Amino acid sequence: MKITRAECLPLQGRSPKGGWTNEIRPEDSVHALIVLATDAGAVGTGSVFTDGRLAQAGLDVLRPLLLGERADEPARVAEKLHQNTFWMGRGGTLTHVISGIDIALWDMFGKITGQPVSRLLGGRHRERVRAYASILMEEPGLMRERCAHYREQGFRAIKIGWGPFGRRGDARLDQAIVAAARAGAGDDCLLMVDAGASDAFWPNGLKWALNTARMLVDHDVAWFEEALVPDAMDDFRELRRQSPVPVAGGECLTRRQTYLPWLRDGAFDIVQPDVTKVGGISEQMQIARMAEAFGVKVVGHGWNTAVGLAADLQLAAAIPSCDLVEYIGGSPYVDDAVVTPWQLDGDGCLAIPDAPGLGLALDLDALATMTPNRNALDLLRHA
């Protein structure tokens, strides 16, 4: 069974707010899907966290290495793509696109074998996982309302991030936002805080992060995420050493080799690789095994698409320490792109699909309103 087609499906027109200083517009693209097909009619879908134009260009570069390859050897094929593109700028666009290809390969492999991806990765440690609503920070009044809304929707874990937090030089505002979130979420809800220091021209450093961490402990915050700029490994290590709350990060890193010094030097309590960036499911599993060898918990970053969420669910089943999955609050690319709506149980958990592959059924009519690429949609329609 050979791969015969590879298409990129840029998502645009309904892009949600991301909290960035240079905010995206609905017509901008920060996500794309990759669709692969075989000579036997099998189809797999993956997700890429990058501009659709970059995803298309990356796929054009990688396609000659991909077409004609076996459809049932995802890890080997993904490694072939990595090995043959070192000199083209590894870790950037090509690595992101390989992520989508790898996820699509695992989706196809599961469909070919009739097994969910998680079982092919070695087995399922859980059948459901708690989902946390990932929402942007707002002024205190609205922050309380938004957290209360998601609590009422059934979430028992909420992460607030970006927005005005840390960007106005006002520690009292930062504290008021977190206090409002806690009030809206309730005392029995898991609450996480994401500073979003990968934003452009982040104004704060280690001392701000340490002072803020000491404030967060008073509000029973479960982890402090992206408190420092993405390359500040030494500062992350010092923050983790002194912080009274667990330190999380790593969503901007790619490739397992990049994670090694961060894990070895103790920069994270919780590491957050993004399966749509790091190199896909194959790479994320290697990062997870490495992290767990260092005693670091793994909770994947998941600000992406329904396909990315489906991959995260399969990984949550396969990774022993992963007991949470990120769920973007209010993204059409997650909520509207599926045939069957996502459904939380009474404990705020999502069931991990047991159907073959990623176990995801996409709503193709909805996707048609989100992408200009009809070739990729036709592949999915005839799957």
Protein backbone atom coordinates (compact mmCIF):
# COMPACT_ATOMS: atom_id res chain seq x y z
CA MET A 1 0.00 0.00 0.00
CA LYS A 2 1.75 3.13 -1.25
CA ILE A 3 1.15 6.84 -0.66
CA THR A 4 0.01 8.38 -3.93
CA ARG A 5 -1.35 11.81 -2.97
CA ALA A 6 -0.52 14.48 -0.41
CA GLU A 7 -2.59 17.64 -0.13
CA CYS A 8 -2.51 20.71 2.13
CA LEU A 9 -5.76 22.15 3.42
CA PRO A 10 -5.11 25.66 4.82
CA LEU A 11 -7.66 26.79 7.39
CA GLN A 12 -8.78 30.40 7.18
CA GLY A 13 -11.83 32.60 7.37
CA ARG A 14 -12.77 31.59 10.91
CA SER A 15 -9.48 31.82 12.78
CA PRO A 16 -10.15 32.57 16.47
CA LYS A 17 -8.37 35.21 18.51
CA GLY A 18 -5.01 34.01 19.76
CA GLY A 19 -4.09 36.73 22.22
CA TRP A 20 -1.02 37.86 20.30
CA THR A 21 0.03 41.52 20.35
CA ASN A 22 -0.11 41.48 16.54
CA GLU A 23 -3.49 39.80 16.55
CA ILE A 24 -4.56 37.54 13.71
CA ARG A 25 -7.73 38.26 11.75
CA PRO A 26 -10.37 35.62 10.94
CA GLU A 27 -9.12 35.52 7.35
CA ASP A 28 -5.54 34.83 8.44
CA SER A 29 -4.19 31.29 8.58
CA VAL A 30 -2.26 29.80 11.50
CA HIS A 31 -3.34 26.19 11.00
CA ALA A 32 -3.52 23.73 8.12
CA LEU A 33 -4.52 20.11 7.64
CA ILE A 34 -2.52 17.54 5.69
CA VAL A 35 -4.43 14.85 3.81
CA LEU A 36 -2.67 11.71 2.51
CA ALA A 37 -4.13 8.98 0.30
CA THR A 38 -2.91 5.60 -0.91
CA ASP A 39 -3.31 3.55 -4.06
CA ALA A 40 -5.75 1.37 -2.13
CA GLY A 41 -8.00 4.26 -1.13
CA ALA A 42 -6.90 4.69 2.50
CA VAL A 43 -6.89 8.32 3.69
CA GLY A 44 -5.25 9.91 6.72
CA THR A 45 -5.45 13.43 8.11
CA GLY A 46 -2.95 15.45 10.14
CA SER A 47 -2.70 18.96 11.55
CA VAL A 48 0.06 21.59 11.24
CA PHE A 49 0.52 24.66 13.42
CA THR A 50 1.73 27.23 10.91
CA ASP A 51 0.44 29.57 8.22
CA GLY A 52 -1.26 27.60 5.45
CA ARG A 53 1.03 29.17 2.85
CA LEU A 54 4.08 27.87 4.68
CA ALA A 55 2.44 24.47 5.13
CA GLN A 56 1.76 24.29 1.38
CA ALA A 57 5.34 25.27 0.54
CA GLY A 58 6.74 22.76 3.00
CA LEU A 59 4.58 19.99 1.60
CA ASP A 60 5.73 20.83 -1.92
CA VAL A 61 9.34 20.34 -0.76
CA LEU A 62 8.60 17.09 1.07
CA ARG A 63 6.22 15.49 -1.44
CA PRO A 64 8.95 13.85 -3.62
CA LEU A 65 10.32 12.13 -0.49
CA LEU A 66 6.84 10.99 0.53
CA LEU A 67 5.06 9.74 -2.58
CA GLY A 68 5.58 6.05 -3.23
CA GLU A 69 6.37 5.34 0.44
CA ARG A 70 4.61 2.69 2.50
CA ALA A 71 1.51 3.83 4.33
CA ASP A 72 1.97 1.46 7.28
CA GLU A 73 5.37 2.60 8.61
CA PRO A 74 4.74 6.10 9.99
CA ALA A 75 7.76 6.42 12.30
CA ARG A 76 10.22 5.28 9.63
CA VAL A 77 8.75 7.52 6.93
CA ALA A 78 8.72 10.54 9.25
CA GLU A 79 12.35 9.91 10.18
CA LYS A 80 13.23 9.70 6.49
CA LEU A 81 11.71 13.17 6.03
CA HIS A 82 13.70 14.54 8.97
CA GLN A 83 16.96 12.95 7.85
CA ASN A 84 16.71 14.25 4.30
CA THR A 85 15.96 17.86 5.25
CA PHE A 86 18.56 18.68 7.92
CA TRP A 87 20.22 21.23 5.69
CA MET A 88 16.96 22.95 4.70
CA GLY A 89 16.33 24.47 8.13
CA ARG A 90 15.30 21.77 10.57
CA GLY A 91 13.10 22.74 13.46
CA GLY A 92 11.07 25.31 11.50
CA THR A 93 8.41 25.08 8.81
CA LEU A 94 9.56 21.72 7.47
CA THR A 95 9.46 20.17 10.94
CA HIS A 96 5.98 21.59 11.49
CA VAL A 97 4.81 20.12 8.17
CA ILE A 98 6.41 16.76 8.94
CA SER A 99 4.27 16.87 12.10
CA GLY A 100 1.09 16.98 10.03
CA ILE A 101 2.36 14.27 7.68
CA ASP A 102 3.28 12.02 10.60
CA ILE A 103 -0.12 12.46 12.25
CA ALA A 104 -1.81 11.63 8.93
CA LEU A 105 0.41 8.54 8.55
CA TRP A 106 -0.58 7.28 12.00
CA ASP A 107 -4.23 7.97 11.21
CA MET A 108 -3.90 5.86 8.04
CA PHE A 109 -1.95 3.14 9.83
CA GLY A 110 -4.74 2.85 12.38
CA LYS A 111 -7.38 2.63 9.69
CA ILE A 112 -5.38 0.00 7.78
CA THR A 113 -4.97 -2.16 10.89
CA GLY A 114 -8.39 -1.42 12.38
CA GLN A 115 -6.86 -0.10 15.61
CA PRO A 116 -6.84 3.26 17.42
CA VAL A 117 -3.49 5.02 17.24
CA SER A 118 -3.00 4.77 21.00
CA ARG A 119 -3.03 0.98 20.88
CA LEU A 120 -0.50 0.96 18.05
CA LEU A 121 1.73 3.19 20.20
CA GLY A 122 1.96 0.43 22.77
CA GLY A 123 -1.30 0.46 24.69
CA ARG A 124 -3.84 2.61 26.47
CA HIS A 125 -3.22 3.77 30.03
CA ARG A 126 -6.65 5.39 30.22
CA GLU A 127 -9.97 5.46 28.37
CA ARG A 128 -10.83 9.06 29.17
CA VAL A 129 -8.89 12.19 30.11
CA ARG A 130 -9.79 15.45 31.78
CA ALA A 131 -10.04 18.32 29.29
CA TYR A 132 -9.11 21.82 30.31
CA ALA A 133 -10.74 24.81 28.66
CA SER A 134 -8.00 27.04 27.31
CA ILE A 135 -9.25 30.63 27.18
CA LEU A 136 -7.77 34.11 26.82
CA MET A 137 -7.39 36.44 29.78
CA GLU A 138 -9.71 39.41 30.04
CA GLU A 139 -10.30 42.33 32.39
CA PRO A 140 -11.36 40.97 35.81
CA GLY A 141 -15.14 41.31 35.40
CA LEU A 142 -15.24 39.53 32.07
CA MET A 143 -12.62 37.03 33.23
CA ARG A 144 -14.90 35.90 36.04
CA GLU A 145 -17.85 35.58 33.64
CA ARG A 146 -15.87 33.55 31.09
CA CYS A 147 -14.55 31.12 33.68
CA ALA A 148 -18.02 30.69 35.15
CA HIS A 149 -19.35 30.01 31.63
CA TYR A 150 -16.88 27.21 30.98
CA ARG A 151 -17.44 25.78 34.41
CA GLU A 152 -21.15 25.66 33.61
CA GLN A 153 -20.32 23.90 30.33
CA GLY A 154 -18.88 21.04 32.39
CA PHE A 155 -15.17 21.80 32.49
CA ARG A 156 -13.44 20.97 35.75
CA ALA A 157 -10.14 22.48 34.64
CA ILE A 158 -9.49 25.89 33.04
CA LYS A 159 -6.36 27.62 31.79
CA ILE A 160 -6.28 31.39 31.33
CA GLY A 161 -3.61 32.99 29.18
CA TRP A 162 -2.21 35.98 27.32
CA GLY A 163 -4.44 39.08 27.08
CA PRO A 164 -3.46 41.98 29.40
CA PHE A 165 -1.63 39.75 31.90
CA GLY A 166 1.97 40.90 32.42
CA ARG A 167 1.73 43.38 29.56
CA ARG A 168 0.75 46.55 31.41
CA GLY A 169 3.30 46.64 34.20
CA ASP A 170 0.52 46.42 36.79
CA ALA A 171 0.91 43.61 39.33
CA ARG A 172 -2.41 44.54 40.94
CA LEU A 173 -4.22 43.99 37.63
CA ASP A 174 -2.48 40.64 37.16
CA GLN A 175 -3.59 39.54 40.61
CA ALA A 176 -7.13 40.79 40.05
CA ILE A 177 -7.40 38.79 36.82
CA VAL A 178 -6.31 35.58 38.53
CA ALA A 179 -8.56 36.19 41.54
CA ALA A 180 -11.51 36.77 39.20
CA ALA A 181 -10.75 33.58 37.31
CA ARG A 182 -10.64 31.61 40.54
CA ALA A 183 -13.93 33.13 41.68
CA GLY A 184 -15.61 32.25 38.38
CA ALA A 185 -14.16 28.76 38.15
CA GLY A 186 -14.82 27.83 41.77
CA ASP A 187 -12.52 26.47 44.44
CA ASP A 188 -12.76 22.88 43.22
CA CYS A 189 -11.71 23.63 39.62
CA LEU A 190 -8.14 23.11 38.45
CA LEU A 191 -6.81 26.52 37.38
CA MET A 192 -3.67 27.15 35.30
CA VAL A 193 -2.06 30.43 34.23
CA ASP A 194 -0.24 30.97 30.92
CA ALA A 195 1.67 34.26 30.69
CA GLY A 196 2.26 33.78 26.97
CA ALA A 197 5.84 35.06 27.00
CA SER A 198 6.37 33.83 23.43
CA ASP A 199 4.40 36.91 22.37
CA ALA A 200 6.31 39.61 20.47
CA PHE A 201 8.56 41.80 22.63
CA TRP A 202 7.58 40.23 25.95
CA PRO A 203 8.49 42.91 28.54
CA ASN A 204 9.22 40.82 31.64
CA GLY A 205 12.09 38.73 32.98
CA LEU A 206 12.99 36.36 35.78
CA LYS A 207 12.20 38.69 38.69
CA TRP A 208 8.69 39.37 37.35
CA ALA A 209 8.16 35.62 36.90
CA LEU A 210 9.32 34.86 40.46
CA ASN A 211 7.12 37.57 42.00
CA THR A 212 4.16 36.45 39.92
CA ALA A 213 4.66 32.79 40.87
CA ARG A 214 4.51 33.79 44.55
CA MET A 215 1.24 35.58 43.85
CA LEU A 216 -0.23 32.61 41.98
CA VAL A 217 0.26 30.20 44.87
CA ASP A 218 -2.27 32.21 46.89
CA HIS A 219 -4.90 31.37 44.26
CA ASP A 220 -4.14 27.64 44.17
CA VAL A 221 -2.80 27.73 40.59
CA ALA A 222 -1.77 24.30 39.31
CA TRP A 223 0.99 25.51 36.99
CA PHE A 224 2.62 28.65 35.62
CA GLU A 225 3.16 28.39 31.87
CA GLU A 226 5.37 30.36 29.47
CA ALA A 227 6.48 32.78 32.17
CA LEU A 228 9.71 33.59 30.30
CA VAL A 229 10.77 34.05 26.69
CA PRO A 230 11.12 30.68 24.91
CA ASP A 231 14.95 30.60 24.76
CA ALA A 232 15.66 31.56 28.39
CA MET A 233 16.62 28.08 29.58
CA ASP A 234 18.80 29.27 32.47
CA ASP A 235 16.03 31.53 33.76
CA PHE A 236 13.47 28.73 33.43
CA ARG A 237 15.74 26.49 35.48
CA GLU A 238 16.07 29.14 38.19
CA LEU A 239 12.32 29.84 38.13
CA ARG A 240 11.60 26.17 38.61
CA ARG A 241 14.07 26.02 41.51
CA GLN A 242 12.42 28.91 43.39
CA SER A 243 8.79 28.88 42.25
CA PRO A 244 6.17 27.68 44.75
CA VAL A 245 3.97 26.56 41.82
CA PRO A 246 4.96 24.04 39.10
CA VAL A 247 6.59 25.52 36.00
CA ALA A 248 5.35 24.47 32.53
CA GLY A 249 6.64 25.20 29.04
CA GLY A 250 8.16 23.90 25.85
CA GLU A 251 5.40 24.56 23.32
CA CYS A 252 7.74 26.56 21.06
CA LEU A 253 10.42 23.86 20.93
CA THR A 254 10.63 21.31 18.13
CA ARG A 255 12.43 17.98 17.70
CA ARG A 256 13.40 15.69 20.58
CA GLN A 257 17.04 16.80 20.44
CA THR A 258 16.03 20.34 21.39
CA TYR A 259 14.15 19.15 24.48
CA LEU A 260 17.05 17.15 25.91
CA PRO A 261 19.00 20.01 27.61
CA TRP A 262 15.79 21.49 29.05
CA LEU A 263 14.90 18.15 30.61
CA ARG A 264 18.44 17.28 31.68
CA ASP A 265 18.94 20.67 33.36
CA GLY A 266 15.60 20.69 35.17
CA ALA A 267 13.89 23.63 33.47
CA PHE A 268 10.33 22.23 33.63
CA ASP A 269 8.03 20.48 36.05
CA ILE A 270 5.61 19.93 33.15
CA VAL A 271 6.74 19.79 29.53
CA GLN A 272 4.27 20.74 26.79
CA PRO A 273 5.31 19.59 23.30
CA ASP A 274 2.80 20.41 20.56
CA VAL A 275 2.19 17.39 18.33
CA THR A 276 1.43 19.70 15.39
CA LYS A 277 4.88 21.32 15.68
CA VAL A 278 7.46 18.94 17.17
CA GLY A 279 7.48 16.35 14.39
CA GLY A 280 4.19 14.59 14.97
CA ILE A 281 3.09 11.61 17.02
CA SER A 282 6.32 9.69 16.39
CA GLU A 283 8.45 12.53 17.76
CA GLN A 284 6.11 13.35 20.62
CA MET A 285 6.28 9.78 21.91
CA GLN A 286 10.07 9.97 21.98
CA ILE A 287 9.94 13.29 23.83
CA ALA A 288 7.44 11.81 26.30
CA ARG A 289 9.64 8.78 27.04
CA MET A 290 12.64 11.05 27.53
CA ALA A 291 10.68 13.41 29.81
CA GLU A 292 9.39 10.60 31.97
CA ALA A 293 12.92 9.25 32.33
CA PHE A 294 13.81 12.62 33.90
CA GLY A 295 10.69 12.59 36.09
CA VAL A 296 8.98 15.38 34.15
CA LYS A 297 5.24 15.23 33.54
CA VAL A 298 3.96 15.47 29.95
CA VAL A 299 0.85 17.47 29.01
CA GLY A 300 0.74 18.30 25.31
CA HIS A 301 0.13 21.83 24.09
CA GLY A 302 -3.04 21.82 22.02
CA TRP A 303 -3.99 25.25 20.65
CA ASN A 304 -4.79 23.89 17.18
CA THR A 305 -7.61 21.97 15.44
CA ALA A 306 -10.02 19.09 15.87
CA VAL A 307 -7.43 16.83 14.24
CA GLY A 308 -4.79 18.08 16.66
CA LEU A 309 -7.14 17.44 19.59
CA ALA A 310 -7.83 13.93 18.32
CA ALA A 311 -4.08 13.28 18.17
CA ASP A 312 -3.69 14.67 21.69
CA LEU A 313 -6.39 12.31 22.96
CA GLN A 314 -4.63 9.29 21.47
CA LEU A 315 -1.34 10.47 22.98
CA ALA A 316 -3.01 11.00 26.36
CA ALA A 317 -4.02 7.35 26.30
CA ALA A 318 -0.52 6.19 25.37
CA ILE A 319 1.60 8.40 27.67
CA PRO A 320 1.50 7.25 31.32
CA SER A 321 1.83 10.68 32.97
CA CYS A 322 -0.52 12.62 30.68
CA ASP A 323 -3.76 13.21 32.61
CA LEU A 324 -4.95 16.41 30.89
CA VAL A 325 -5.66 17.55 27.35
CA GLU A 326 -5.96 21.15 26.15
CA TYR A 327 -9.27 22.23 24.58
CA ILE A 328 -9.51 25.67 22.94
CA GLY A 329 -12.59 27.48 24.09
CA GLY A 330 -14.67 28.70 21.15
CA SER A 331 -12.62 27.72 18.08
CA PRO A 332 -14.62 26.77 14.96
CA TYR A 333 -11.64 24.68 13.84
CA VAL A 334 -12.26 22.45 16.88
CA ASP A 335 -15.97 22.73 17.61
CA ASP A 336 -17.49 23.02 14.13
CA ALA A 337 -15.18 20.74 12.17
CA VAL A 338 -16.52 17.43 13.54
CA VAL A 339 -19.63 15.41 12.76
CA THR A 340 -20.24 14.47 16.38
CA PRO A 341 -19.79 17.32 18.88
CA TRP A 342 -17.21 16.86 21.61
CA GLN A 343 -18.94 15.76 24.80
CA LEU A 344 -17.65 16.09 28.36
CA ASP A 345 -18.77 13.55 30.93
CA GLY A 346 -19.84 14.45 34.45
CA ASP A 347 -16.22 14.66 35.59
CA GLY A 348 -15.18 17.05 32.83
CA CYS A 349 -13.44 14.30 30.85
CA LEU A 350 -13.41 13.43 27.15
CA ALA A 351 -13.59 9.82 26.07
CA ILE A 352 -10.56 8.70 24.06
CA PRO A 353 -11.87 7.32 20.75
CA ASP A 354 -11.48 3.58 20.28
CA ALA A 355 -12.25 3.71 16.55
CA PRO A 356 -9.46 3.04 14.02
CA GLY A 357 -6.85 5.74 13.50
CA LEU A 358 -7.46 9.02 15.28
CA GLY A 359 -11.11 8.04 15.63
CA LEU A 360 -12.30 11.35 14.22
CA ALA A 361 -15.13 12.05 11.75
CA LEU A 362 -14.72 15.48 10.12
CA ASP A 363 -17.67 17.58 8.97
CA LEU A 364 -16.65 18.19 5.37
CA ASP A 365 -19.40 20.69 4.67
CA ALA A 366 -18.17 22.79 7.58
CA LEU A 367 -14.56 22.43 6.45
CA ALA A 368 -15.58 23.68 3.00
CA THR A 369 -16.31 27.05 4.62
CA MET A 370 -12.82 27.14 6.16
CA THR A 371 -10.49 26.35 3.27
CA PRO A 372 -9.96 27.20 -0.40
CA ASN A 373 -8.44 23.79 -1.26
CA ARG A 374 -11.12 21.65 -2.92
CA ASN A 375 -8.63 18.91 -3.91
CA ALA A 376 -8.01 18.02 -0.28
CA LEU A 377 -11.74 18.08 0.45
CA ASP A 378 -12.38 15.76 -2.50
CA LEU A 379 -9.86 13.29 -1.10
CA LEU A 380 -11.69 13.30 2.21
CA ARG A 381 -15.09 12.98 0.57
CA HIS A 382 -14.06 9.86 -1.32
CA ALA A 383 -12.33 8.19 1.63
